[in-house]
Amino acid sequence: MPKTRKCPECKGIVKEGQTQLSYELEGINIIVKNIPANICEKCRQAFITGHVAEEVNRLVNRLSEDINSFAKTQPQIGKRQREVAIAI
C-alpha cells in the first residue's frame, strides 16, 4: 500500500495529478498544461519533482527562443503587439 503524503502547507492529503504552469518571458505568455504533479486535495497546492521542473523549464526556454526567432521575421504594423499561438 502506498504511503499517504501530507501537504506541508495545510496537512491535507497529497495525491498524484496534473497541474499547469504559466510563464511570461519578454512579453510572451506561455502556459504549459498537463504537468505531472502531486496535488493537495484540500488546498490544491501542486508539487512537482525537480526532474519535471527541469524538463518544463527546458521546454519553455526552447519555445521562447523559437517564438522570438519567428517574431523577428514578421513585419510590425504600427505599434500593434505581435501575438504568436503555438499548440503543443
Protein backbone atom coordinates (compact mmCIF):
# COMPACT_ATOMS: atom_id res chain seq x y z
CA MET A 1 0.00 0.00 0.00
CA PRO A 2 1.44 3.42 -0.97
CA LYS A 3 2.45 5.80 1.78
CA THR A 4 -0.02 8.65 2.43
CA ARG A 5 1.64 12.01 1.91
CA LYS A 6 0.62 15.12 3.82
CA CYS A 7 0.72 18.64 2.41
CA PRO A 8 3.37 20.76 4.13
CA GLU A 9 1.09 23.79 3.74
CA CYS A 10 -2.22 22.58 5.20
CA LYS A 11 -1.63 18.93 6.19
CA GLY A 12 -4.21 17.73 3.63
CA ILE A 13 -3.75 14.51 1.66
CA VAL A 14 -1.49 14.78 -1.41
CA LYS A 15 -2.30 12.60 -4.44
CA GLU A 16 -0.99 12.24 -7.97
CA GLY A 17 -2.49 14.54 -10.56
CA GLN A 18 -1.68 17.22 -13.11
CA THR A 19 -1.14 20.95 -12.94
CA GLN A 20 -0.26 23.82 -15.23
CA LEU A 21 2.42 26.49 -15.04
CA SER A 22 2.29 29.97 -16.54
CA TYR A 23 5.32 31.94 -17.67
CA GLU A 24 5.77 35.43 -19.05
CA LEU A 25 9.01 35.84 -20.95
CA GLU A 26 9.79 39.06 -22.80
CA GLY A 27 6.10 39.88 -23.16
CA ILE A 28 5.16 36.37 -24.29
CA ASN A 29 2.67 34.42 -22.18
CA ILE A 30 3.29 30.68 -22.13
CA ILE A 31 1.04 28.17 -20.37
CA VAL A 32 2.21 24.58 -20.00
CA LYS A 33 -0.62 22.19 -19.19
CA ASN A 34 -0.89 18.57 -18.05
CA ILE A 35 2.29 18.60 -15.97
CA PRO A 36 2.58 15.55 -13.70
CA ALA A 37 2.37 16.71 -10.10
CA ASN A 38 1.32 15.80 -6.61
CA ILE A 39 -1.76 17.84 -5.67
CA CYS A 40 -3.15 18.53 -2.21
CA GLU A 41 -6.82 17.59 -2.10
CA LYS A 42 -7.52 20.32 0.48
CA CYS A 43 -5.64 23.47 -0.59
CA ARG A 44 -4.90 22.41 -4.23
CA GLN A 45 -1.19 23.24 -3.85
CA ALA A 46 0.79 21.48 -6.58
CA PHE A 47 4.21 19.91 -6.05
CA ILE A 48 6.39 18.87 -8.98
CA THR A 49 9.65 16.98 -8.90
CA GLY A 50 12.98 18.60 -9.74
CA HIS A 51 13.26 16.45 -12.87
CA VAL A 52 9.85 17.57 -14.16
CA ALA A 53 10.66 21.22 -13.35
CA GLU A 54 13.91 20.96 -15.34
CA GLU A 55 12.10 19.47 -18.34
CA VAL A 56 9.36 22.14 -18.26
CA ASN A 57 11.96 24.93 -17.98
CA ARG A 58 13.91 23.45 -20.90
CA LEU A 59 10.70 23.31 -22.97
CA VAL A 60 9.72 26.90 -22.11
CA ASN A 61 13.21 28.23 -22.88
CA ARG A 62 13.26 26.48 -26.27
CA LEU A 63 9.75 27.69 -27.05
CA SER A 64 10.68 31.26 -26.12
CA GLU A 65 13.72 31.13 -28.41
CA ASP A 66 11.63 29.78 -31.29
CA ILE A 67 8.92 32.41 -30.81
CA ASN A 68 11.47 35.23 -30.66
CA SER A 69 13.17 33.97 -33.84
CA PHE A 70 9.83 33.77 -35.63
CA ALA A 71 8.70 37.19 -34.38
CA LYS A 72 11.85 38.83 -35.78
CA THR A 73 10.87 37.72 -39.30
CA GLN A 74 7.39 39.27 -39.11
CA PRO A 75 6.78 42.88 -40.12
CA GLN A 76 5.45 45.16 -37.44
CA ILE A 77 2.30 47.06 -38.24
CA GLY A 78 2.42 50.33 -36.33
CA LYS A 79 2.76 49.66 -32.63
CA ARG A 80 0.44 46.66 -32.54
CA GLN A 81 1.56 43.88 -30.30
CA ARG A 82 2.61 40.76 -32.15
CA GLU A 83 0.97 37.58 -31.00
CA VAL A 84 2.08 34.03 -31.64
CA ALA A 85 -0.05 30.98 -30.84
CA ILE A 86 1.57 27.56 -30.63
CA ALA A 87 -0.16 24.25 -29.98
CA ILE A 88 1.97 21.64 -28.27
